Amino acid sequence: MRVHVDMTLCQTHAQCVFAAPDVFALDGDDVLTYEAAPDDALTGEVELAARACPVQAITLHHD
């Protein structure tokens, strides 16, 4: 699975960070960072994070 966050849409509500903290994080400047190719074991968390995004900035691409 590949993860993409449209940073022009992201408003840093951080719902993804709460849903999948092993994939999404906020850096010291409160800018979202993320793992673009997370382990398959995290698929459920990442899908939950994508659904939780209030601006739908997260897209998932299944390989």
C-alpha atoms as a PDB file:
ATOM      1  CA  MET A   1       0.000   0.000   0.000  1.00  0.00           C
ATOM      2  CA  ARG A   2       1.120   3.524  -0.764  1.00  0.00           C
ATOM      3  CA  VAL A   3      -0.087   6.567   1.166  1.00  0.00           C
ATOM      4  CA  HIS A   4      -0.329  10.067  -0.238  1.00  0.00           C
ATOM      5  CA  VAL A   5      -1.351  13.201   1.632  1.00  0.00           C
ATOM      6  CA  ASP A   6      -2.308  16.244  -0.404  1.00  0.00           C
ATOM      7  CA  MET A   7      -0.532  18.869   1.664  1.00  0.00           C
ATOM      8  CA  THR A   8      -2.465  21.660  -0.055  1.00  0.00           C
ATOM      9  CA  LEU A   9      -5.656  20.192   1.448  1.00  0.00           C
ATOM     10  CA  CYS A  10      -4.226  19.122   4.817  1.00  0.00           C
ATOM     11  CA  GLN A  11      -5.194  21.506   7.613  1.00  0.00           C
ATOM     12  CA  THR A  12      -3.303  19.571  10.315  1.00  0.00           C
ATOM     13  CA  HIS A  13      -6.373  18.497  12.277  1.00  0.00           C
ATOM     14  CA  ALA A  14      -4.192  15.470  13.197  1.00  0.00           C
ATOM     15  CA  GLN A  15      -7.013  12.936  13.190  1.00  0.00           C
ATOM     16  CA  CYS A  16      -4.726  10.676  11.163  1.00  0.00           C
ATOM     17  CA  VAL A  17      -2.062  10.926  13.858  1.00  0.00           C
ATOM     18  CA  PHE A  18      -4.521   9.648  16.459  1.00  0.00           C
ATOM     19  CA  ALA A  19      -5.773   6.852  14.182  1.00  0.00           C
ATOM     20  CA  ALA A  20      -2.375   5.636  12.931  1.00  0.00           C
ATOM     21  CA  PRO A  21       0.488   7.043  15.015  1.00  0.00           C
ATOM     22  CA  ASP A  22       2.980   4.584  13.505  1.00  0.00           C
ATOM     23  CA  VAL A  23       2.391   6.146  10.076  1.00  0.00           C
ATOM     24  CA  PHE A  24       1.444   9.796  10.683  1.00  0.00           C
ATOM     25  CA  ALA A  25       3.100  12.336  12.983  1.00  0.00           C
ATOM     26  CA  LEU A  26       3.461  16.046  13.553  1.00  0.00           C
ATOM     27  CA  ASP A  27       6.978  17.428  13.519  1.00  0.00           C
ATOM     28  CA  GLY A  28       8.262  20.156  15.828  1.00  0.00           C
ATOM     29  CA  ASP A  29       6.644  22.830  13.667  1.00  0.00           C
ATOM     30  CA  ASP A  30       3.258  21.007  13.663  1.00  0.00           C
ATOM     31  CA  VAL A  31       3.718  19.975  10.036  1.00  0.00           C
ATOM     32  CA  LEU A  32       2.358  16.555   9.126  1.00  0.00           C
ATOM     33  CA  THR A  33       4.875  13.876   8.240  1.00  0.00           C
ATOM     34  CA  TYR A  34       4.011  10.346   7.158  1.00  0.00           C
ATOM     35  CA  GLU A  35       5.382   7.023   5.964  1.00  0.00           C
ATOM     36  CA  ALA A  36       4.519   6.720   2.261  1.00  0.00           C
ATOM     37  CA  ALA A  37       4.893   2.922   2.216  1.00  0.00           C
ATOM     38  CA  PRO A  38       3.794   1.598   5.617  1.00  0.00           C
ATOM     39  CA  ASP A  39       3.963  -2.050   6.590  1.00  0.00           C
ATOM     40  CA  ASP A  40       0.965  -4.080   5.453  1.00  0.00           C
ATOM     41  CA  ALA A  41       0.191  -4.885   9.092  1.00  0.00           C
ATOM     42  CA  LEU A  42      -0.853  -1.238   9.497  1.00  0.00           C
ATOM     43  CA  THR A  43      -3.430  -1.284   6.682  1.00  0.00           C
ATOM     44  CA  GLY A  44      -6.429  -1.156   9.013  1.00  0.00           C
ATOM     45  CA  GLU A  45      -5.075   1.819  10.937  1.00  0.00           C
ATOM     46  CA  VAL A  46      -4.170   3.675   7.750  1.00  0.00           C
ATOM     47  CA  GLU A  47      -7.620   3.093   6.249  1.00  0.00           C
ATOM     48  CA  LEU A  48      -9.178   4.406   9.464  1.00  0.00           C
ATOM     49  CA  ALA A  49      -6.920   7.460   9.310  1.00  0.00           C
ATOM     50  CA  ALA A  50      -7.957   8.177   5.717  1.00  0.00           C
ATOM     51  CA  ARG A  51     -11.639   7.975   6.683  1.00  0.00           C
ATOM     52  CA  ALA A  52     -11.055  10.190   9.738  1.00  0.00           C
ATOM     53  CA  CYS A  53      -9.493  13.033   7.740  1.00  0.00           C
ATOM     54  CA  PRO A  54     -12.062  15.855   7.796  1.00  0.00           C
ATOM     55  CA  VAL A  55     -10.780  17.326   4.516  1.00  0.00           C
ATOM     56  CA  GLN A  56     -10.148  13.982   2.773  1.00  0.00           C
ATOM     57  CA  ALA A  57      -6.506  14.806   2.093  1.00  0.00           C
ATOM     58  CA  ILE A  58      -5.328  11.191   2.402  1.00  0.00           C
ATOM     59  CA  THR A  59      -5.467   8.787  -0.514  1.00  0.00           C
ATOM     60  CA  LEU A  60      -4.430   5.157  -0.466  1.00  0.00           C
ATOM     61  CA  HIS A  61      -3.107   3.161  -3.394  1.00  0.00           C
ATOM     62  CA  HIS A  62      -3.112  -0.592  -2.959  1.00  0.00           C
ATOM     63  CA  ASP A  63      -0.282  -2.262  -4.877  1.00  0.00           C
END
